[in-house]
Each structure stands twice: as structure tokens, then as C-alpha cells.
């Protein structure tokens, strides 16, 4: 993904051979090469900053989504309890009615 933004590989840096002039290496060639290395390192640092920000954003999203899941589970539990307690109340009401009908039919008090 970021490979097109980095010009040099570590192997290219390691294997770079400068032509030797009568007074040593050609300063312009060395300067150009070092400029490329500097740009690569600056780009690498920019990539690292971008990735750190992406990581931070993803962690925040993850925390927010986990909290949302907890809230939804709580709501589901509350709704389930309400529907169960409503059903229990309806069952209790039905049992009272049946009990009253038995008393009327069988004459028990």
C-alpha cells in the first residue's frame, strides 16, 4: 500500500556503490543519494504518523461500538424482563380467574 511512496529499499542503500573520483567519491552523487534517503525517512515518518492516527481512530470506534453493544444488550434484557413479567402477570391473572371459576363451579370457598 505504501510501497509506491518509498523510493529506496534497505538492500539498495546497503548495495549502493559510489564511483570513486581522483579525490574520492563524487560529492554531488553522494549528496543526491543522501537527499533521497532523507526524503524516504521523512515519508516513512509521515506514514507512521498516518498509521498511528488510523490506529487511534479505530480504537476509538472499537470502544464506541463495544459500548453501543452493551447498551443494546441492556435494552434487550430490559425488554425481555418486561415481556416476561407481563406474561407472569397475565398468568397470575388467569390463575386467579380459574380459581374463582372453580370456586363457583365446585362451590368451594
Protein backbone atom coordinates (compact mmCIF):
# COMPACT_ATOMS: atom_id res chain seq x y z
CA UNK A 1 0.00 0.00 0.00
CA UNK A 2 2.78 2.43 0.90
CA UNK A 3 5.44 0.78 -1.27
CA UNK A 4 4.99 3.32 -4.07
CA UNK A 5 5.82 6.14 -1.63
CA UNK A 6 9.23 4.73 -0.59
CA UNK A 7 11.92 5.06 -3.24
CA UNK A 8 14.75 3.02 -1.71
CA UNK A 9 14.85 -0.37 -0.07
CA UNK A 10 17.32 -1.15 2.67
CA UNK A 11 19.08 -3.50 0.26
CA UNK A 12 19.52 -0.71 -2.29
CA UNK A 13 21.05 1.52 0.37
CA UNK A 14 23.33 -1.28 1.53
CA UNK A 15 24.47 -2.18 -2.01
CA UNK A 16 24.93 1.38 -3.28
CA UNK A 17 28.39 1.83 -4.78
CA UNK A 18 29.67 5.33 -5.42
CA UNK A 19 32.09 5.96 -8.24
CA UNK A 20 35.48 7.00 -6.99
CA UNK A 21 36.93 10.20 -8.35
CA UNK A 22 40.56 11.17 -8.23
CA UNK A 23 39.85 12.89 -4.92
CA UNK A 24 37.42 10.24 -3.61
CA UNK A 25 33.68 9.89 -4.02
CA UNK A 26 31.82 12.39 -6.16
CA UNK A 27 30.24 14.77 -3.65
CA UNK A 28 27.27 15.59 -5.90
CA UNK A 29 26.41 11.89 -6.28
CA UNK A 30 26.68 11.28 -2.54
CA UNK A 31 24.58 14.37 -1.79
CA UNK A 32 21.85 13.29 -4.24
CA UNK A 33 21.78 9.82 -2.71
CA UNK A 34 21.62 11.17 0.81
CA UNK A 35 18.84 13.57 -0.23
CA UNK A 36 16.84 10.57 -1.48
CA UNK A 37 17.45 8.76 1.81
CA UNK A 38 16.31 11.81 3.77
CA UNK A 39 13.11 12.07 1.69
CA UNK A 40 12.45 8.38 2.28
CA UNK A 41 12.86 8.75 6.02
CA UNK A 42 10.58 11.79 6.05
CA UNK A 43 7.99 9.84 4.06
CA UNK A 44 8.36 6.87 6.39
CA UNK A 45 7.76 9.14 9.39
CA UNK A 46 4.68 10.59 7.69
CA UNK A 47 3.38 7.06 7.04
CA UNK A 48 3.96 6.13 10.68
CA UNK A 49 2.04 9.23 11.84
CA UNK A 50 -0.84 8.36 9.48
CA UNK A 51 -0.93 4.77 10.72
CA UNK A 52 -0.84 5.90 14.34
CA UNK A 53 -3.78 8.23 13.70
CA UNK A 54 -5.67 5.43 11.89
CA UNK A 55 -4.96 3.11 14.82
CA UNK A 56 -6.20 5.72 17.29
CA UNK A 57 -9.39 6.28 15.26
CA UNK A 58 -10.03 2.55 15.01
CA UNK A 59 -9.53 2.06 18.75
CA UNK A 60 -11.99 4.88 19.47
CA UNK A 61 -14.51 3.34 17.04
CA UNK A 62 -14.00 -0.04 18.67
CA UNK A 63 -14.64 1.36 22.15
CA UNK A 64 -17.72 3.24 20.92
CA UNK A 65 -19.11 0.13 19.21
CA UNK A 66 -18.48 -2.05 22.27
CA UNK A 67 -20.36 0.48 24.41
CA UNK A 68 -23.20 0.50 21.89
CA UNK A 69 -23.36 -3.30 22.03
CA UNK A 70 -23.50 -3.18 25.84
CA UNK A 71 -26.31 -0.62 25.69
CA UNK A 72 -28.27 -2.69 23.18
CA UNK A 73 -27.83 -5.86 25.26
CA UNK A 74 -29.09 -3.97 28.30
CA UNK A 75 -32.13 -2.76 26.36
CA UNK A 76 -32.80 -6.29 25.13
CA UNK A 77 -32.57 -7.60 28.70
CA UNK A 78 -34.97 -4.91 29.95
CA UNK A 79 -37.45 -5.64 27.16
CA UNK A 80 -37.18 -9.38 27.80
CA UNK A 81 -37.76 -8.86 31.54
CA UNK A 82 -40.74 -6.60 30.86
CA UNK A 83 -42.29 -9.09 28.47
CA UNK A 84 -41.64 -11.95 30.92
CA UNK A 85 -43.05 -10.02 33.88
CA UNK A 86 -46.03 -9.03 31.75
CA UNK A 87 -46.56 -12.67 30.85
CA UNK A 88 -46.18 -13.64 34.53
CA UNK A 89 -48.75 -11.04 35.48
CA UNK A 90 -51.10 -12.33 32.78
CA UNK A 91 -50.51 -15.90 34.00
CA UNK A 92 -51.26 -14.90 37.58
CA UNK A 93 -54.43 -13.17 36.42
CA UNK A 94 -55.50 -16.29 34.51
CA UNK A 95 -54.81 -18.47 37.55
CA UNK A 96 -56.98 -16.20 39.74
CA UNK A 97 -59.81 -16.36 37.22
CA UNK A 98 -59.59 -20.15 37.02
CA UNK A 99 -59.53 -20.36 40.80
CA UNK A 100 -62.64 -18.15 41.01
CA UNK A 101 -64.41 -20.25 38.38
CA UNK A 102 -63.54 -23.45 40.29
CA UNK A 103 -64.99 -21.94 43.44
CA UNK A 104 -68.18 -21.05 41.62
CA UNK A 105 -68.46 -24.43 39.87
CA UNK A 106 -67.45 -26.66 42.74
CA UNK A 107 -68.85 -24.45 45.46
CA UNK A 108 -65.60 -24.25 47.34
CA UNK A 109 -64.63 -21.20 49.23
